[in-house]
Amino acid sequence: MDSDELARVLGEFPGAEAEFPFGPQTRVWKVGSRIFALEMERHGRPVVSVKALPENVVHLVAGVAGIEPGYHLNKRHWVTVDTGGLVEDGLVVELVTESHAIVVAKLPRRLRLALDGTSNGSFNDERGSGGVAG
């Protein structure tokens, strides 16, 4: 999966916003100000680091070539995935989807409701709470 395709997939998640807080070499994807993916190169290969459930991290790292413990991240909760062809595109999409879901589940309720209630998934939507109970 090339960088443009991965960025398109990541950008389609509700509330997803990209920034470069660590410099131009690392694109950080956030939802509700919390990181759910980091795109970068490692050893000259494109990778994405994503959150995963701790019970899945062990199996992913042990069982899938191209997946290793999170690079410069909590190794219990993050994995770094080779997106340059070692890991199938379908699995990459599945892992970034799970990462987004894990982070969204930990957001405050009002932010989760805002994600569900906006047409474009943006927290910057100027409609306000628009009758959202809560």
N, C-alpha and C. Protein backbone atom coordinates (compact mmCIF):
# COMPACT_ATOMS: atom_id res chain seq x y z
N MET A 1 0.87 -1.17 0.00
CA MET A 1 0.00 0.00 0.00
C MET A 1 0.91 1.23 0.00
N ASP A 2 0.75 2.08 -0.99
CA ASP A 2 1.63 3.24 -1.04
C ASP A 2 1.15 4.33 -0.07
N SER A 3 2.00 5.31 0.13
CA SER A 3 1.75 6.37 1.11
C SER A 3 0.47 7.15 0.81
N ASP A 4 0.22 7.43 -0.47
CA ASP A 4 -0.98 8.19 -0.84
C ASP A 4 -2.25 7.39 -0.54
N GLU A 5 -2.22 6.10 -0.84
CA GLU A 5 -3.39 5.26 -0.58
C GLU A 5 -3.64 5.14 0.92
N LEU A 6 -2.56 4.95 1.69
CA LEU A 6 -2.71 4.86 3.15
C LEU A 6 -3.25 6.17 3.71
N ALA A 7 -2.75 7.29 3.24
CA ALA A 7 -3.24 8.60 3.70
C ALA A 7 -4.72 8.77 3.37
N ARG A 8 -5.13 8.29 2.19
CA ARG A 8 -6.55 8.37 1.81
C ARG A 8 -7.40 7.55 2.77
N VAL A 9 -6.95 6.33 3.07
CA VAL A 9 -7.69 5.46 4.00
C VAL A 9 -7.78 6.12 5.38
N LEU A 10 -6.65 6.59 5.89
CA LEU A 10 -6.63 7.20 7.22
C LEU A 10 -7.48 8.47 7.27
N GLY A 11 -7.44 9.25 6.20
CA GLY A 11 -8.20 10.50 6.16
C GLY A 11 -9.70 10.32 6.07
N GLU A 12 -10.16 9.12 5.71
CA GLU A 12 -11.59 8.87 5.60
C GLU A 12 -12.26 8.56 6.93
N PHE A 13 -11.48 8.30 7.97
CA PHE A 13 -12.09 8.00 9.27
C PHE A 13 -12.73 9.26 9.85
N PRO A 14 -13.89 9.12 10.48
CA PRO A 14 -14.55 10.29 11.08
C PRO A 14 -13.62 11.00 12.07
N GLY A 15 -13.48 12.31 11.88
CA GLY A 15 -12.69 13.13 12.79
C GLY A 15 -11.20 13.06 12.59
N ALA A 16 -10.73 12.30 11.60
CA ALA A 16 -9.29 12.13 11.39
C ALA A 16 -8.66 13.41 10.88
N GLU A 17 -7.55 13.78 11.51
CA GLU A 17 -6.80 14.96 11.10
C GLU A 17 -5.32 14.61 11.11
N ALA A 18 -4.61 15.05 10.09
CA ALA A 18 -3.17 14.78 9.98
C ALA A 18 -2.37 16.02 10.33
N GLU A 19 -1.22 15.79 10.96
CA GLU A 19 -0.29 16.88 11.25
C GLU A 19 1.12 16.31 11.30
N PHE A 20 2.10 17.20 11.40
CA PHE A 20 3.50 16.80 11.40
C PHE A 20 4.22 17.40 12.61
N PRO A 21 3.85 17.01 13.83
CA PRO A 21 4.45 17.62 15.03
C PRO A 21 5.90 17.24 15.27
N PHE A 22 6.37 16.16 14.65
CA PHE A 22 7.74 15.69 14.86
C PHE A 22 8.63 15.99 13.66
N GLY A 23 8.15 16.81 12.74
CA GLY A 23 8.90 17.11 11.53
C GLY A 23 8.28 16.44 10.33
N PRO A 24 8.80 16.76 9.14
CA PRO A 24 8.17 16.29 7.90
C PRO A 24 8.26 14.79 7.66
N GLN A 25 9.08 14.09 8.41
CA GLN A 25 9.27 12.66 8.17
C GLN A 25 8.19 11.80 8.82
N THR A 26 7.38 12.36 9.72
CA THR A 26 6.36 11.56 10.41
C THR A 26 5.01 12.27 10.35
N ARG A 27 4.06 11.65 9.63
CA ARG A 27 2.70 12.18 9.60
C ARG A 27 1.92 11.51 10.72
N VAL A 28 1.34 12.33 11.59
CA VAL A 28 0.60 11.84 12.76
C VAL A 28 -0.89 12.03 12.50
N TRP A 29 -1.65 10.96 12.68
CA TRP A 29 -3.10 11.00 12.50
C TRP A 29 -3.76 10.98 13.87
N LYS A 30 -4.68 11.94 14.07
CA LYS A 30 -5.36 12.07 15.35
C LYS A 30 -6.87 12.09 15.14
N VAL A 31 -7.56 11.70 16.20
CA VAL A 31 -9.00 11.88 16.29
C VAL A 31 -9.25 12.40 17.69
N GLY A 32 -9.95 13.53 17.80
CA GLY A 32 -10.19 14.11 19.12
C GLY A 32 -8.90 14.43 19.86
N SER A 33 -7.88 14.88 19.16
CA SER A 33 -6.56 15.23 19.71
C SER A 33 -5.77 14.04 20.22
N ARG A 34 -6.20 12.83 19.92
CA ARG A 34 -5.48 11.63 20.35
C ARG A 34 -4.96 10.87 19.13
N ILE A 35 -3.73 10.43 19.22
CA ILE A 35 -3.08 9.76 18.10
C ILE A 35 -3.65 8.35 17.90
N PHE A 36 -3.95 8.04 16.63
CA PHE A 36 -4.34 6.66 16.31
C PHE A 36 -3.44 6.04 15.25
N ALA A 37 -2.60 6.83 14.59
CA ALA A 37 -1.66 6.27 13.61
C ALA A 37 -0.52 7.25 13.36
N LEU A 38 0.65 6.68 13.09
CA LEU A 38 1.82 7.47 12.72
C LEU A 38 2.43 6.84 11.47
N GLU A 39 2.55 7.63 10.40
CA GLU A 39 3.17 7.17 9.16
C GLU A 39 4.60 7.67 9.11
N MET A 40 5.52 6.80 8.73
CA MET A 40 6.93 7.18 8.64
C MET A 40 7.68 6.15 7.82
N GLU A 41 8.98 6.33 7.71
CA GLU A 41 9.85 5.31 7.13
C GLU A 41 10.73 4.77 8.23
N ARG A 42 10.97 3.47 8.16
CA ARG A 42 11.87 2.81 9.12
C ARG A 42 12.76 1.87 8.31
N HIS A 43 14.06 2.05 8.43
CA HIS A 43 15.03 1.28 7.64
C HIS A 43 14.72 1.38 6.14
N GLY A 44 14.29 2.57 5.71
CA GLY A 44 14.01 2.80 4.29
C GLY A 44 12.72 2.20 3.78
N ARG A 45 11.89 1.67 4.67
CA ARG A 45 10.61 1.05 4.29
C ARG A 45 9.46 1.88 4.86
N PRO A 46 8.36 2.02 4.12
CA PRO A 46 7.20 2.73 4.67
C PRO A 46 6.51 1.88 5.73
N VAL A 47 6.18 2.52 6.85
CA VAL A 47 5.49 1.83 7.94
C VAL A 47 4.41 2.74 8.51
N VAL A 48 3.48 2.11 9.21
CA VAL A 48 2.49 2.84 9.99
C VAL A 48 2.43 2.18 11.36
N SER A 49 2.46 3.01 12.40
CA SER A 49 2.30 2.50 13.76
C SER A 49 0.87 2.76 14.18
N VAL A 50 0.24 1.72 14.74
CA VAL A 50 -1.17 1.81 15.13
C VAL A 50 -1.39 1.18 16.49
N LYS A 51 -2.45 1.62 17.16
CA LYS A 51 -2.84 1.01 18.43
C LYS A 51 -3.49 -0.33 18.15
N ALA A 52 -3.31 -1.24 19.10
CA ALA A 52 -3.96 -2.55 19.00
C ALA A 52 -4.29 -3.01 20.41
N LEU A 53 -5.22 -3.92 20.52
CA LEU A 53 -5.54 -4.49 21.82
C LEU A 53 -4.34 -5.29 22.30
N PRO A 54 -3.99 -5.17 23.58
CA PRO A 54 -2.80 -5.87 24.09
C PRO A 54 -2.79 -7.37 23.77
N GLU A 55 -3.94 -8.01 23.84
CA GLU A 55 -3.98 -9.44 23.55
C GLU A 55 -3.71 -9.74 22.08
N ASN A 56 -3.94 -8.76 21.20
CA ASN A 56 -3.66 -8.95 19.78
C ASN A 56 -2.21 -8.64 19.43
N VAL A 57 -1.60 -7.73 20.18
CA VAL A 57 -0.22 -7.33 19.88
C VAL A 57 0.70 -8.53 19.87
N VAL A 58 0.61 -9.37 20.88
CA VAL A 58 1.48 -10.54 21.00
C VAL A 58 1.34 -11.44 19.78
N HIS A 59 0.12 -11.71 19.36
CA HIS A 59 -0.12 -12.61 18.23
C HIS A 59 0.31 -11.98 16.91
N LEU A 60 0.07 -10.69 16.75
CA LEU A 60 0.47 -10.01 15.52
C LEU A 60 1.99 -10.02 15.35
N VAL A 61 2.69 -9.65 16.42
CA VAL A 61 4.15 -9.58 16.36
C VAL A 61 4.76 -10.96 16.14
N ALA A 62 4.22 -11.97 16.81
CA ALA A 62 4.77 -13.32 16.69
C ALA A 62 4.37 -14.01 15.38
N GLY A 63 3.21 -13.65 14.85
CA GLY A 63 2.67 -14.44 13.75
C GLY A 63 2.66 -13.81 12.38
N VAL A 64 2.98 -12.52 12.26
CA VAL A 64 2.88 -11.86 10.96
C VAL A 64 4.21 -11.19 10.62
N ALA A 65 4.83 -11.65 9.54
CA ALA A 65 6.06 -11.00 9.07
C ALA A 65 5.72 -9.58 8.66
N GLY A 66 6.53 -8.63 9.06
CA GLY A 66 6.29 -7.23 8.71
C GLY A 66 5.57 -6.46 9.80
N ILE A 67 5.25 -7.12 10.92
CA ILE A 67 4.65 -6.43 12.06
C ILE A 67 5.59 -6.62 13.25
N GLU A 68 5.94 -5.51 13.88
CA GLU A 68 6.84 -5.55 15.03
C GLU A 68 6.27 -4.68 16.15
N PRO A 69 6.82 -4.79 17.34
CA PRO A 69 6.34 -3.93 18.44
C PRO A 69 6.46 -2.46 18.03
N GLY A 70 5.59 -1.63 18.57
CA GLY A 70 5.55 -0.22 18.22
C GLY A 70 6.90 0.46 18.34
N TYR A 71 7.31 1.13 17.27
CA TYR A 71 8.58 1.83 17.22
C TYR A 71 8.48 3.12 18.02
N HIS A 72 9.28 3.23 19.08
CA HIS A 72 9.28 4.38 20.00
C HIS A 72 7.92 4.60 20.66
N LEU A 73 7.16 3.53 20.84
CA LEU A 73 5.83 3.61 21.44
C LEU A 73 5.69 2.51 22.47
N ASN A 74 4.61 2.56 23.24
CA ASN A 74 4.34 1.52 24.24
C ASN A 74 4.14 0.19 23.51
N LYS A 75 5.05 -0.72 23.72
CA LYS A 75 5.05 -1.99 22.98
C LYS A 75 3.88 -2.90 23.35
N ARG A 76 3.22 -2.59 24.43
CA ARG A 76 2.05 -3.39 24.83
C ARG A 76 0.80 -2.99 24.04
N HIS A 77 0.76 -1.73 23.60
CA HIS A 77 -0.46 -1.20 22.97
C HIS A 77 -0.29 -0.79 21.50
N TRP A 78 0.93 -0.81 20.99
CA TRP A 78 1.18 -0.34 19.64
C TRP A 78 1.97 -1.37 18.84
N VAL A 79 1.69 -1.43 17.54
CA VAL A 79 2.49 -2.22 16.60
C VAL A 79 2.90 -1.32 15.43
N THR A 80 4.03 -1.65 14.85
CA THR A 80 4.50 -0.96 13.65
C THR A 80 4.39 -1.94 12.50
N VAL A 81 3.69 -1.52 11.46
CA VAL A 81 3.31 -2.39 10.35
C VAL A 81 4.00 -1.93 9.06
N ASP A 82 4.70 -2.83 8.40
CA ASP A 82 5.32 -2.53 7.11
C ASP A 82 4.21 -2.39 6.07
N THR A 83 4.14 -1.23 5.42
CA THR A 83 3.11 -1.01 4.41
C THR A 83 3.68 -1.07 3.00
N GLY A 84 4.93 -1.49 2.89
CA GLY A 84 5.59 -1.55 1.59
C GLY A 84 5.45 -2.88 0.88
N GLY A 85 4.47 -3.69 1.27
CA GLY A 85 4.23 -4.95 0.58
C GLY A 85 4.42 -6.19 1.42
N LEU A 86 5.08 -6.07 2.57
CA LEU A 86 5.26 -7.25 3.43
C LEU A 86 3.95 -7.69 4.07
N VAL A 87 3.12 -6.73 4.43
CA VAL A 87 1.82 -7.01 5.06
C VAL A 87 0.73 -6.71 4.03
N GLU A 88 -0.20 -7.63 3.89
CA GLU A 88 -1.28 -7.47 2.91
C GLU A 88 -2.08 -6.20 3.19
N ASP A 89 -2.48 -5.52 2.11
CA ASP A 89 -3.23 -4.28 2.24
C ASP A 89 -4.49 -4.44 3.09
N GLY A 90 -5.17 -5.56 2.93
CA GLY A 90 -6.40 -5.80 3.71
C GLY A 90 -6.14 -5.82 5.20
N LEU A 91 -5.02 -6.41 5.61
CA LEU A 91 -4.67 -6.44 7.03
C LEU A 91 -4.27 -5.05 7.51
N VAL A 92 -3.57 -4.29 6.68
CA VAL A 92 -3.22 -2.91 7.05
C VAL A 92 -4.48 -2.11 7.32
N VAL A 93 -5.45 -2.21 6.41
CA VAL A 93 -6.72 -1.48 6.58
C VAL A 93 -7.43 -1.94 7.85
N GLU A 94 -7.45 -3.24 8.09
CA GLU A 94 -8.08 -3.77 9.30
C GLU A 94 -7.41 -3.22 10.56
N LEU A 95 -6.09 -3.16 10.57
CA LEU A 95 -5.37 -2.68 11.75
C LEU A 95 -5.56 -1.19 11.99
N VAL A 96 -5.55 -0.37 10.92
CA VAL A 96 -5.77 1.06 11.13
C VAL A 96 -7.22 1.32 11.54
N THR A 97 -8.15 0.51 11.04
CA THR A 97 -9.55 0.64 11.44
C THR A 97 -9.72 0.32 12.92
N GLU A 98 -9.08 -0.75 13.37
CA GLU A 98 -9.14 -1.11 14.78
C GLU A 98 -8.50 -0.03 15.65
N SER A 99 -7.40 0.53 15.20
CA SER A 99 -6.72 1.58 15.95
C SER A 99 -7.64 2.79 16.14
N HIS A 100 -8.27 3.21 15.06
CA HIS A 100 -9.20 4.34 15.14
C HIS A 100 -10.32 4.03 16.13
N ALA A 101 -10.88 2.83 16.05
CA ALA A 101 -11.98 2.44 16.94
C ALA A 101 -11.54 2.42 18.40
N ILE A 102 -10.33 1.94 18.67
CA ILE A 102 -9.82 1.90 20.05
C ILE A 102 -9.71 3.32 20.61
N VAL A 103 -9.18 4.23 19.81
CA VAL A 103 -9.01 5.61 20.28
C VAL A 103 -10.36 6.29 20.45
N VAL A 104 -11.25 6.12 19.49
CA VAL A 104 -12.59 6.74 19.59
C VAL A 104 -13.31 6.24 20.83
N ALA A 105 -13.19 4.97 21.14
CA ALA A 105 -13.88 4.40 22.32
C ALA A 105 -13.41 5.04 23.62
N LYS A 106 -12.21 5.58 23.64
CA LYS A 106 -11.67 6.22 24.84
C LYS A 106 -11.93 7.72 24.90
N LEU A 107 -12.51 8.28 23.85
CA LEU A 107 -12.81 9.71 23.84
C LEU A 107 -13.96 10.02 24.78
N PRO A 108 -14.02 11.25 25.28
CA PRO A 108 -15.18 11.64 26.08
C PRO A 108 -16.47 11.46 25.27
N ARG A 109 -17.54 11.19 25.97
CA ARG A 109 -18.83 10.90 25.33
C ARG A 109 -19.25 12.01 24.37
N ARG A 110 -19.07 13.26 24.75
CA ARG A 110 -19.52 14.36 23.88
C ARG A 110 -18.77 14.36 22.55
N LEU A 111 -17.49 13.97 22.57
CA LEU A 111 -16.73 13.90 21.32
C LEU A 111 -17.17 12.71 20.47
N ARG A 112 -17.44 11.58 21.13
CA ARG A 112 -17.94 10.42 20.37
C ARG A 112 -19.27 10.76 19.71
N LEU A 113 -20.15 11.46 20.43
CA LEU A 113 -21.43 11.86 19.85
C LEU A 113 -21.24 12.84 18.70
N ALA A 114 -20.27 13.75 18.84
CA ALA A 114 -19.99 14.70 17.76
C ALA A 114 -19.51 13.96 16.51
N LEU A 115 -18.72 12.93 16.69
CA LEU A 115 -18.27 12.15 15.54
C LEU A 115 -19.44 11.48 14.84
N ASP A 116 -20.35 10.94 15.62
CA ASP A 116 -21.52 10.27 15.04
C ASP A 116 -22.48 11.25 14.40
N GLY A 117 -22.51 12.48 14.90
CA GLY A 117 -23.53 13.43 14.47
C GLY A 117 -23.12 14.39 13.39
N THR A 118 -21.86 14.42 12.99
CA THR A 118 -21.45 15.37 11.96
C THR A 118 -21.44 14.70 10.60
N SER A 119 -21.78 15.47 9.59
CA SER A 119 -21.85 14.91 8.25
C SER A 119 -20.47 14.59 7.69
N ASN A 120 -19.46 15.37 8.07
CA ASN A 120 -18.13 15.12 7.52
C ASN A 120 -17.16 14.58 8.56
N GLY A 121 -17.61 14.32 9.77
CA GLY A 121 -16.74 13.76 10.79
C GLY A 121 -15.80 14.75 11.42
N SER A 122 -15.96 16.04 11.11
CA SER A 122 -15.03 17.04 11.63
C SER A 122 -15.51 17.62 12.95
N PHE A 123 -14.58 17.77 13.87
CA PHE A 123 -14.91 18.43 15.13
C PHE A 123 -15.07 19.93 14.92
N ASN A 124 -14.65 20.42 13.78
CA ASN A 124 -14.72 21.84 13.50
C ASN A 124 -16.05 22.22 12.84
N ASP A 125 -16.95 21.28 12.75
CA ASP A 125 -18.26 21.53 12.17
C ASP A 125 -18.95 22.62 12.98
N GLU A 126 -19.42 23.67 12.33
CA GLU A 126 -19.96 24.82 13.04
C GLU A 126 -21.43 24.69 13.42
N ARG A 127 -21.98 23.50 13.29
CA ARG A 127 -23.39 23.33 13.64
C ARG A 127 -23.59 23.29 15.14
N GLY A 128 -22.53 23.18 15.91
CA GLY A 128 -22.67 23.09 17.36
C GLY A 128 -23.24 21.75 17.75
N SER A 129 -23.84 21.68 18.94
CA SER A 129 -24.36 20.41 19.41
C SER A 129 -25.65 20.03 18.71
N GLY A 130 -26.35 20.99 18.12
CA GLY A 130 -27.49 20.71 17.27
C GLY A 130 -28.51 19.74 17.84
N GLY A 131 -28.82 19.87 19.12
CA GLY A 131 -29.84 19.03 19.72
C GLY A 131 -29.34 17.70 20.21
N VAL A 132 -28.04 17.51 20.25
CA VAL A 132 -27.50 16.26 20.77
C VAL A 132 -27.70 16.24 22.28
N ALA A 133 -28.38 15.23 22.76
CA ALA A 133 -28.64 15.13 24.20
C ALA A 133 -27.38 14.68 24.89
N GLY A 134 -27.21 15.14 26.10
CA GLY A 134 -26.12 14.55 26.75
C GLY A 134 -25.40 15.13 27.80
